[in-house]
C-alpha cells in the first residue's frame, strides 16, 4: 500500500472577513535600476495572494523566496529578483501578511497538521538517532508517483560518484526514469568522468580505495581530455566516456545545470562560471520541480532551496506541494533547509552512498513487482 497521497489545496475564502474587508495592494514604481521602492513586499515559500483591485485576488505563480512582486503590463504578477528590477516596474508594497495591506500569505494551504508536541518533549530535533524508516517509505512511494506525474530534480554532490556502487545505482535510477533534472557543480561531473576514464575519483580507486600512481593528476587529466574533445556531449557521442552518471544524463537528454565556483579546477566545458547566469539556469529547472532531492552538497542545496517555493501551480491550474529531501551525514547541513519554514522538507542523516544504493534497490524491487 502506497504511503503517498497528494494533499488537496484549499484556497482562502475571500468572501469572509478579514479578507473581504481588505484593501487593494499598493504598487510603487521602481526609480532606480535594481532598487525596490520603500516598503516593498518580499516573497516567502508559501502561496501568496495579492488583491490587485477590490475583489480581484491573484495567486503569485512561479514564486520563490526573497523576491519582489512586479505587476506586469498584462496584469499578471511575477516574482522578480531585485537585480532584475527595471525603472518603471510596479512593485507590490506591504509588510503584513494577513490581508491588512491587500497581501495574504496562505501558510495553511495544504492542511498540514500542526505539531502536537507540548512545551516539553524528547527528540524534537533531527539527529543521527532519529528514526527515518517512515521518511524512506514515503520517499519510495513519492518517487513512484512523481516518475509519471511530476518533475524530480536532483541536486548532486561529488560523493555520489566517489563510490562504484553508488555511481552505478544512480545511473540505474536515471535509466528507470526517476530523474527529470540535475543540478550540480564542476566536481560531480569531473569525478564521474574521471571514474569512467580511469576508475578513480580524486586519484583513489572508486571500489578498492587504493591510490593510483600519480593519482592527483587524474581529475586534471579528465578535465584536459574533455577539453580536447570539445564538450562533455562530444566525449559521450564519440564513446570516449562509456558509463556513469554524466553519460546517462547525456544519453537520456536530461536537463543538467553545472554551476561552477571560484575554487574549481578547469573547469570542464559546459560548467557555468558566471554566478548570475548559473542562478538563472538553475531557477529554470527549479520552477519545474515538484520534488527535490539534495545530496551531500551544502551550498548547492541551500541555493536550490532558496529558489523552491512550497507549492507549484500545474498546467491545469491545480496547486500542489513541492517536496524537498536533504541527504547528508552532517546534522547542520541536513537541518539547514528543513528549518527554513517548509513543512514539506525532510532530512535524512546518512551516508549519501549508502542512501543511493538502498534507494536504487528498493525502487528496482518495487518496479519489478509491478511489472
Protein backbone atom coordinates (compact mmCIF):
# COMPACT_ATOMS: atom_id res chain seq x y z
CA UNK A 1 0.00 0.00 0.00
CA UNK A 2 1.40 3.37 -1.00
CA UNK A 3 2.09 5.83 1.80
CA UNK A 4 1.90 8.77 -0.55
CA UNK A 5 -1.18 10.70 -1.45
CA UNK A 6 -1.12 14.19 -2.91
CA UNK A 7 -2.82 16.57 -0.43
CA UNK A 8 -5.61 18.78 -1.70
CA UNK A 9 -5.07 22.51 -1.98
CA UNK A 10 -7.57 24.66 -0.09
CA UNK A 11 -7.73 28.27 -1.36
CA UNK A 12 -8.56 31.09 1.05
CA UNK A 13 -12.16 32.26 1.43
CA UNK A 14 -12.03 35.85 0.22
CA UNK A 15 -15.74 36.39 0.90
CA UNK A 16 -15.29 36.32 4.68
CA UNK A 17 -13.64 38.89 6.97
CA UNK A 18 -10.93 39.94 7.31
CA UNK A 19 -10.10 39.25 3.65
CA UNK A 20 -13.44 40.58 2.38
CA UNK A 21 -12.62 43.89 4.06
CA UNK A 22 -9.01 44.06 2.89
CA UNK A 23 -7.85 46.96 0.69
CA UNK A 24 -6.20 46.62 -2.70
CA UNK A 25 -2.43 46.23 -2.57
CA UNK A 26 -0.33 49.34 -3.22
CA UNK A 27 2.14 49.20 -6.10
CA UNK A 28 5.01 51.66 -6.26
CA UNK A 29 7.26 52.37 -9.21
CA UNK A 30 10.96 51.48 -9.32
CA UNK A 31 13.01 54.67 -9.62
CA UNK A 32 16.50 53.20 -9.80
CA UNK A 33 17.72 50.09 -11.63
CA UNK A 34 17.84 47.13 -9.26
CA UNK A 35 16.44 49.03 -6.26
CA UNK A 36 13.00 48.23 -4.84
CA UNK A 37 10.81 51.07 -3.51
CA UNK A 38 10.44 51.65 0.22
CA UNK A 39 8.08 49.22 1.91
CA UNK A 40 8.43 46.54 -0.79
CA UNK A 41 6.96 43.11 -0.04
CA UNK A 42 9.43 40.20 -0.11
CA UNK A 43 8.09 36.78 -1.03
CA UNK A 44 8.11 33.66 1.15
CA UNK A 45 7.97 29.97 0.25
CA UNK A 46 4.17 29.86 0.70
CA UNK A 47 1.33 30.60 -1.75
CA UNK A 48 0.71 34.36 -1.72
CA UNK A 49 -2.35 36.26 -2.93
CA UNK A 50 -2.49 39.92 -3.93
CA UNK A 51 -5.70 41.95 -4.25
CA UNK A 52 -4.85 43.89 -7.40
CA UNK A 53 -8.22 45.67 -7.44
CA UNK A 54 -11.00 45.36 -4.91
CA UNK A 55 -12.43 41.84 -5.13
CA UNK A 56 -9.73 40.60 -7.53
CA UNK A 57 -7.23 38.39 -5.69
CA UNK A 58 -4.41 36.83 -7.76
CA UNK A 59 -2.10 33.99 -6.78
CA UNK A 60 1.58 34.67 -7.43
CA UNK A 61 2.67 31.74 -9.61
CA UNK A 62 6.25 30.51 -10.04
CA UNK A 63 7.21 32.13 -6.78
CA UNK A 64 10.48 31.87 -4.89
CA UNK A 65 11.51 33.35 -1.57
CA UNK A 66 13.20 36.74 -1.20
CA UNK A 67 11.90 38.30 -4.42
CA UNK A 68 9.94 41.44 -5.16
CA UNK A 69 6.48 41.14 -6.75
CA UNK A 70 6.04 43.01 -10.02
CA UNK A 71 2.69 43.78 -11.65
CA UNK A 72 3.31 43.17 -15.34
CA UNK A 73 1.71 45.14 -18.18
CA UNK A 74 -0.72 42.28 -18.90
CA UNK A 75 -1.97 42.29 -15.31
CA UNK A 76 -0.09 39.17 -14.17
CA UNK A 77 2.28 39.03 -11.22
CA UNK A 78 5.88 37.89 -11.31
CA UNK A 79 8.36 37.06 -8.56
CA UNK A 80 11.36 39.11 -9.62
CA UNK A 81 14.89 39.07 -8.24
CA UNK A 82 15.93 42.52 -7.06
CA UNK A 83 18.78 42.64 -9.58
CA UNK A 84 16.19 42.36 -12.35
CA UNK A 85 14.03 45.31 -11.30
CA UNK A 86 13.79 47.95 -14.03
CA UNK A 87 12.93 51.61 -13.75
CA UNK A 88 9.16 51.91 -14.01
CA UNK A 89 8.36 48.40 -12.74
CA UNK A 90 5.39 48.44 -10.37
CA UNK A 91 6.31 46.63 -7.15
CA UNK A 92 3.84 45.39 -4.51
CA UNK A 93 4.36 47.08 -1.15
CA UNK A 94 3.32 45.94 2.31
CA UNK A 95 4.95 44.03 5.16
CA UNK A 96 1.83 42.48 6.73
CA UNK A 97 0.64 39.04 5.59
CA UNK A 98 -2.99 38.63 6.64
CA UNK A 99 -4.72 40.93 4.17
CA UNK A 100 -4.23 44.21 6.06
CA UNK A 101 -2.41 45.64 3.04
CA UNK A 102 -4.02 43.54 0.33
CA UNK A 103 -1.47 40.73 0.66
CA UNK A 104 -2.31 37.29 2.05
CA UNK A 105 0.33 34.61 2.73
CA UNK A 106 -1.51 31.28 2.73
CA UNK A 107 0.63 29.11 5.03
CA UNK A 108 -2.22 26.61 5.68
CA UNK A 109 -2.84 25.86 2.00
CA UNK A 110 -2.45 22.07 2.24
CA UNK A 111 -3.92 21.44 5.67
CA UNK A 112 -0.71 20.27 7.31
CA UNK A 113 -1.29 19.26 10.91
CA UNK A 114 0.42 21.49 13.48
CA UNK A 115 2.90 19.88 15.84
CA UNK A 116 1.20 18.06 18.69
CA UNK A 117 4.21 18.42 20.99
CA UNK A 118 3.83 20.38 24.19
CA UNK A 119 6.45 22.57 25.77
CA UNK A 120 8.43 19.53 26.99
CA UNK A 121 9.30 16.67 24.65
CA UNK A 122 12.20 14.43 23.77
CA UNK A 123 13.84 14.22 20.35
CA UNK A 124 12.23 17.25 18.74
CA UNK A 125 15.31 17.90 16.55
CA UNK A 126 16.63 15.74 13.71
CA UNK A 127 19.73 13.81 14.76
CA UNK A 128 21.62 10.60 14.00
CA UNK A 129 19.31 8.84 16.45
CA UNK A 130 16.14 9.88 14.63
CA UNK A 131 14.05 7.15 13.02
CA UNK A 132 13.98 7.57 9.25
CA UNK A 133 12.04 4.43 8.25
CA UNK A 134 8.87 6.37 7.51
CA UNK A 135 10.78 9.01 5.53
CA UNK A 136 12.32 6.31 3.35
CA UNK A 137 8.98 4.61 2.73
CA UNK A 138 7.32 7.94 1.97
CA UNK A 139 10.11 8.77 -0.48
CA UNK A 140 9.77 5.43 -2.29
CA UNK A 141 6.03 5.99 -2.76
CA UNK A 142 6.51 9.63 -3.71
CA UNK A 143 9.06 8.79 -6.42
CA UNK A 144 6.76 6.16 -7.91
CA UNK A 145 4.07 8.82 -8.20
CA UNK A 146 6.40 11.55 -9.43
CA UNK A 147 8.00 9.50 -12.18
CA UNK A 148 4.88 9.91 -14.31
CA UNK A 149 3.14 12.85 -12.63
CA UNK A 150 5.82 15.30 -11.57
CA UNK A 151 9.33 16.64 -12.08
CA UNK A 152 12.03 15.17 -9.84
CA UNK A 153 15.03 17.47 -9.53
CA UNK A 154 18.24 16.03 -8.06
CA UNK A 155 20.95 18.22 -6.51
CA UNK A 156 24.15 16.18 -6.50
CA UNK A 157 27.45 16.49 -4.68
CA UNK A 158 30.56 14.66 -5.92
CA UNK A 159 30.28 11.94 -3.23
CA UNK A 160 27.68 10.23 -5.43
CA UNK A 161 30.45 9.49 -7.96
CA UNK A 162 33.16 8.56 -5.43
CA UNK A 163 31.87 5.01 -4.86
CA UNK A 164 31.42 2.35 -7.53
CA UNK A 165 28.11 1.01 -6.22
CA UNK A 166 26.64 4.46 -5.64
CA UNK A 167 27.65 5.59 -9.12
CA UNK A 168 26.08 2.51 -10.70
CA UNK A 169 22.98 2.85 -8.52
CA UNK A 170 22.34 6.45 -9.52
CA UNK A 171 22.90 5.55 -13.17
CA UNK A 172 20.21 2.89 -12.70
CA UNK A 173 17.84 5.42 -11.13
CA UNK A 174 18.32 7.65 -14.18
CA UNK A 175 17.63 4.77 -16.54
CA UNK A 176 14.47 3.84 -14.61
CA UNK A 177 13.05 7.32 -15.26
CA UNK A 178 13.19 8.77 -11.74
CA UNK A 179 15.43 11.70 -12.73
CA UNK A 180 13.94 14.65 -14.67
CA UNK A 181 16.61 17.27 -13.98
CA UNK A 182 20.00 17.61 -12.30
CA UNK A 183 21.77 20.49 -10.57
CA UNK A 184 25.43 20.01 -9.68
CA UNK A 185 28.85 21.58 -9.78
CA UNK A 186 32.08 21.01 -11.64
CA UNK A 187 33.20 18.34 -9.15
CA UNK A 188 30.33 15.88 -9.71
CA UNK A 189 30.89 15.84 -13.46
CA UNK A 190 34.69 15.86 -13.21
CA UNK A 191 34.94 12.91 -10.84
CA UNK A 192 32.23 10.90 -12.58
CA UNK A 193 34.15 11.33 -15.85
CA UNK A 194 37.41 10.54 -14.04
CA UNK A 195 35.80 7.31 -12.83
CA UNK A 196 34.77 6.42 -16.37
CA UNK A 197 38.23 7.12 -17.82
CA UNK A 198 40.48 5.86 -15.03
CA UNK A 199 38.33 4.10 -12.42
CA UNK A 200 39.32 6.68 -9.82
CA UNK A 201 37.89 9.71 -8.03
CA UNK A 202 40.49 12.23 -6.90
CA UNK A 203 43.06 9.56 -7.66
CA UNK A 204 41.55 6.87 -5.43
CA UNK A 205 40.06 3.69 -6.89
CA UNK A 206 36.27 4.00 -6.57
CA UNK A 207 35.99 0.37 -5.35
CA UNK A 208 39.19 -0.69 -3.59
CA UNK A 209 40.14 2.81 -2.36
CA UNK A 210 43.72 2.18 -3.47
CA UNK A 211 45.62 5.27 -4.52
CA UNK A 212 46.66 5.29 -8.16
CA UNK A 213 50.18 6.22 -9.14
CA UNK A 214 50.22 9.99 -9.72
CA UNK A 215 46.58 9.94 -8.67
CA UNK A 216 46.48 13.67 -8.01
CA UNK A 217 46.72 14.11 -11.81
CA UNK A 218 43.66 12.00 -12.61
CA UNK A 219 40.95 14.64 -12.26
CA UNK A 220 43.09 17.15 -14.15
CA UNK A 221 43.65 14.59 -16.90
CA UNK A 222 39.89 14.03 -17.05
CA UNK A 223 39.23 17.76 -17.49
CA UNK A 224 42.00 18.04 -20.06
CA UNK A 225 40.60 15.09 -22.01
CA UNK A 226 37.12 16.62 -22.19
CA UNK A 227 38.57 19.99 -23.19
CA UNK A 228 40.36 18.23 -26.06
CA UNK A 229 37.09 16.56 -27.10
CA UNK A 230 35.38 19.96 -27.13
CA UNK A 231 32.49 19.16 -24.80
CA UNK A 232 31.07 16.54 -22.47
CA UNK A 233 28.43 15.68 -25.06
CA UNK A 234 31.05 15.16 -27.77
CA UNK A 235 33.02 12.86 -25.47
CA UNK A 236 29.91 10.76 -24.83
CA UNK A 237 28.94 10.61 -28.51
CA UNK A 238 32.44 9.50 -29.52
CA UNK A 239 32.43 6.70 -26.96
CA UNK A 240 35.28 8.26 -25.02
CA UNK A 241 33.06 8.19 -21.90
CA UNK A 242 31.16 4.93 -21.84
CA UNK A 243 29.47 4.71 -18.44
CA UNK A 244 28.41 6.61 -15.37
CA UNK A 245 26.10 9.37 -14.27
CA UNK A 246 27.08 12.01 -16.84
CA UNK A 247 26.86 9.52 -19.71
CA UNK A 248 23.35 8.51 -18.64
CA UNK A 249 22.30 12.16 -18.32
CA UNK A 250 23.54 12.94 -21.83
CA UNK A 251 22.08 9.79 -23.40
CA UNK A 252 18.68 10.33 -21.74
CA UNK A 253 18.80 14.06 -22.66
CA UNK A 254 18.09 15.06 -19.06
CA UNK A 255 18.47 18.81 -18.46
CA UNK A 256 21.51 19.41 -16.28
CA UNK A 257 22.98 22.65 -14.95
CA UNK A 258 26.61 22.58 -13.78
CA UNK A 259 27.27 25.71 -11.74
CA UNK A 260 30.92 26.49 -11.08
CA UNK A 261 32.67 28.05 -8.10
CA UNK A 262 35.80 30.10 -7.57
CA UNK A 263 37.75 27.04 -6.42
CA UNK A 264 37.05 24.82 -9.44
CA UNK A 265 39.88 23.17 -11.35
CA UNK A 266 39.44 23.65 -15.06
CA UNK A 267 36.51 23.81 -15.06
CA UNK A 268 35.00 21.36 -17.53
CA UNK A 269 33.49 22.72 -20.74
CA UNK A 270 29.83 23.48 -20.09
CA UNK A 271 30.31 24.49 -16.46
CA UNK A 272 28.75 27.94 -15.91
CA UNK A 273 31.21 30.25 -14.18
CA UNK A 274 29.06 33.40 -14.15
CA UNK A 275 27.11 33.17 -10.87
CA UNK A 276 24.14 35.16 -12.13
CA UNK A 277 23.83 33.07 -15.27
CA UNK A 278 24.16 29.92 -13.17
CA UNK A 279 21.40 31.12 -10.84
CA UNK A 280 19.12 31.85 -13.80
CA UNK A 281 19.76 28.43 -15.33
CA UNK A 282 19.22 26.69 -12.00
CA UNK A 283 15.97 28.55 -11.46
CA UNK A 284 14.70 27.48 -14.88
CA UNK A 285 14.74 23.89 -13.60
CA UNK A 286 13.69 24.79 -10.06
CA UNK A 287 10.48 26.29 -11.48
CA UNK A 288 9.52 22.87 -12.85
CA UNK A 289 10.33 20.86 -9.73
CA UNK A 290 7.67 19.06 -7.73
CA UNK A 291 10.18 17.01 -5.71
CA UNK A 292 13.79 17.93 -4.95
CA UNK A 293 16.39 15.52 -3.55
CA UNK A 294 19.64 17.19 -2.49
CA UNK A 295 22.57 15.00 -1.56
CA UNK A 296 25.90 15.89 0.09
CA UNK A 297 26.30 19.38 -1.33
CA UNK A 298 25.55 22.02 1.24
CA UNK A 299 25.96 25.17 -0.86
CA UNK A 300 24.09 23.82 -3.89
CA UNK A 301 21.32 22.55 -1.59
CA UNK A 302 20.90 25.92 0.09
CA UNK A 303 20.98 27.72 -3.25
CA UNK A 304 18.31 25.41 -4.67
CA UNK A 305 16.21 25.65 -1.53
CA UNK A 306 16.15 29.42 -1.86
CA UNK A 307 14.64 29.04 -5.33
CA UNK A 308 11.97 26.49 -4.43
CA UNK A 309 8.57 27.57 -3.06
CA UNK A 310 6.44 25.13 -1.05
CA UNK A 311 3.92 24.85 -3.92
CA UNK A 312 3.65 24.69 -7.67
CA UNK A 313 0.82 25.69 -9.99
CA UNK A 314 0.39 22.96 -12.60
CA UNK A 315 -0.58 23.39 -16.25
CA UNK A 316 -4.22 22.57 -15.50
CA UNK A 317 -4.33 25.31 -12.86
CA UNK A 318 -4.26 22.95 -9.88
CA UNK A 319 -1.92 23.74 -6.99
CA UNK A 320 0.20 21.06 -5.31
CA UNK A 321 3.01 20.97 -2.73
CA UNK A 322 6.70 20.71 -3.57
CA UNK A 323 8.64 18.12 -1.57
CA UNK A 324 12.26 18.64 -0.57
CA UNK A 325 14.57 15.92 0.78
CA UNK A 326 18.10 16.61 2.04
CA UNK A 327 20.51 13.72 2.45
CA UNK A 328 23.72 14.34 4.37
CA UNK A 329 25.90 12.97 7.17
CA UNK A 330 26.16 16.43 8.74
CA UNK A 331 23.31 17.36 11.07
CA UNK A 332 23.83 21.05 10.32
CA UNK A 333 23.70 20.56 6.56
CA UNK A 334 20.69 18.24 6.69
CA UNK A 335 18.74 20.51 9.02
CA UNK A 336 19.58 23.76 7.25
CA UNK A 337 16.75 23.56 4.72
CA UNK A 338 14.33 21.60 6.88
CA UNK A 339 14.40 24.56 9.26
CA UNK A 340 13.67 27.15 6.58
CA UNK A 341 9.91 27.03 7.26
CA UNK A 342 8.82 24.48 4.67
CA UNK A 343 6.51 21.82 6.08
CA UNK A 344 7.31 19.57 3.12
CA UNK A 345 11.07 19.42 3.79
CA UNK A 346 12.55 16.15 5.07
CA UNK A 347 16.08 15.46 6.28
CA UNK A 348 17.71 12.03 6.32
CA UNK A 349 21.03 11.78 8.12
CA UNK A 350 23.08 9.07 6.44
CA UNK A 351 26.00 8.36 4.16
CA UNK A 352 24.92 9.50 0.71
CA UNK A 353 26.47 6.48 -0.99
CA UNK A 354 24.56 4.05 1.25
CA UNK A 355 21.38 6.05 0.71
CA UNK A 356 21.52 5.96 -3.08
CA UNK A 357 22.37 2.24 -3.19
CA UNK A 358 19.47 1.39 -0.88
CA UNK A 359 17.12 3.69 -2.76
CA UNK A 360 18.02 2.04 -6.07
CA UNK A 361 17.50 -1.46 -4.68
CA UNK A 362 14.08 -0.55 -3.29
CA UNK A 363 12.91 1.24 -6.43
CA UNK A 364 14.15 -1.62 -8.60
CA UNK A 365 12.40 -4.26 -6.46
CA UNK A 366 9.15 -2.29 -6.35
CA UNK A 367 9.36 -1.66 -10.09
CA UNK A 368 9.86 -5.39 -10.75
CA UNK A 369 6.90 -6.27 -8.53
CA UNK A 370 4.67 -4.02 -10.64
CA UNK A 371 5.80 -5.45 -13.98
